[in-house]
Amino acid sequence: MILLLHVDSVLKTIKNVVHHFDKRTSKLLPESKDQIKSYGDGGEDNKDVNLNSSKIALSIAKSTVTQRSMEWILEKGQCIDNLVPQVSTLPHAGNGAFAQRLIRKGELVAPAPLLQIMDYNILSIFDFEIDENDEPSMIDEEEGDSLPVAYQILLNYCMSHPETSMLMCPQTNIILMNHCSTRESYGGDCERYNNNSDPNLRGANAEMKWATDWDPDTKQWLKLSIDEINKKVASGKRGLSLDIVATRDIYPGEEVFLDYGQGWEEDWEDHVATFLPPDPDDNYMTITELNDDLENNLILAEDLEENPYPDNARLACIYWPDDNEVIDEDSPLEDSKDWKTDGSIYHVDHPDYKYFGIYEGCDILEMTKGEDGEIKNITVEIYSSDGMTIWAANKKERILYDYPMQSLRFVPAKYTSDQHLVGAFRSYIRIPDEIFPEQWKDLDLEE
């Protein structure tokens, strides 16, 4: 379905353009429809190819990843599936990392190859204004250089040290691991651990160490100066990895934590004390508040001009296009269909939702209520975000009748999510001083 949108020439063009910017990513992209079809079972006869994402992933992996023998894997491979993502036990922390098998004290929880960013200031975000030519320009601070107003959210998932400008960003699922220490308890499993009568079972249950022999480059790079590392990174190389190691036995289902360091805790406490949430008078309402009272917050399309949704929110509907909706080389140039159909199938229990369901922007055209006062019948109009449907190309309205109430939700408008708020929390994970090489300290903290 979605995978068959583009003709061969378009696929090749996309692949060539991506190759110009990122050769590794371009290798993953197909260059023909036949290649896409072959991802399912190695042939073109599989009519259900798009429903088998595991076969597609396996086929792409076999064609792009260096294949190793079982002997090589057993000798040099590292397990990266000890952790699985689940909702964290820490309040408001989002997802966390949970053990899916017993991990003994001293055993590897997960490896973490690192990408080096040699100056974390490259993640700076600057404020801007629109000039007289309708072009964005950075706002000067007292006619001097512009000052950053924030850092990109990537900073929160990377490691560094207060005395270096180098930032190291993990490439594995250790980014799921939340913070815990014996200095502070933030609830959840962390607080449960800290309440243990045995002091050896308190605080984080994992720690970072430099990688062992599975990454031989790490041992060499630890001897390099910051300038030598800079030259290697500039030539496209990377050579540092961490091992995340269990500091005590971790049992299946337990949340796994790292100690982010006292400096991180101080940054967090300062953030909590000084952060000012958006003012509701500025036409702002949290997405959670909107969805918690969804029925009373819905507005008909005809009333939105006088009574719009909050500036930070937009209404979205679960949707996925059928085979006869997507554009391919056989699609008619002209379309006579009215695209007004039953919308009751668009819910999370439908089998297509798992593979193709997305939240598209939508408006409510009609709502009717039953005798109990609850909304019973909803008619919505869907707006295609990619424009790759026949009805969107022909500027037809996509109307769905009897649309399920539970398939409506509010989502953040562009650039208005929590991570985009002024003053959103930003702080890197601290690498312990006892394992940080002295020759990498290129910042003077007294300045």
Foldseek 3Di string as FASTA:
>chain_A
DVVFFEALVVQQVVLVVVCVVPVLVSLLGDRHPQVQCCLQPNGNPDPCSLLCVVSNVVSSCVRRPDDDDPVCCVVQNDDQPQWDWDQAQFPPPGIATFGQAKAAAFGFSHKWFKQKDQAQCVQFAFDWDQDPVRDTDGDDDVPHHTDGLDGAQQLAQWEDAPQFRMIIHTDGPCSRAAAAALVDDRGGVQVVQNPDPDPLSHIFFKEKDWDDPSQVLQVVVLPDFSVVVVVQVVVPDGGTMITIGTNHIHHGGDTGHYHLDPVLVVLVVVLVVDDDDDDVVQQDDDQVVCFVPVQVNADAPVCCVVPNHRPFKFKWFKDFDDPLWFHHPPHDPDDDDQQEEAAQQRDPVRSVCVSGIDIFGKGWHDWDADPVRGTFKTKMWGDDPVQRTPCSSNVHTNIHIRHDPVRMGMDTDPQRPLSNDRSRRGHHRYRDPVNRRPSNRPHDPVD
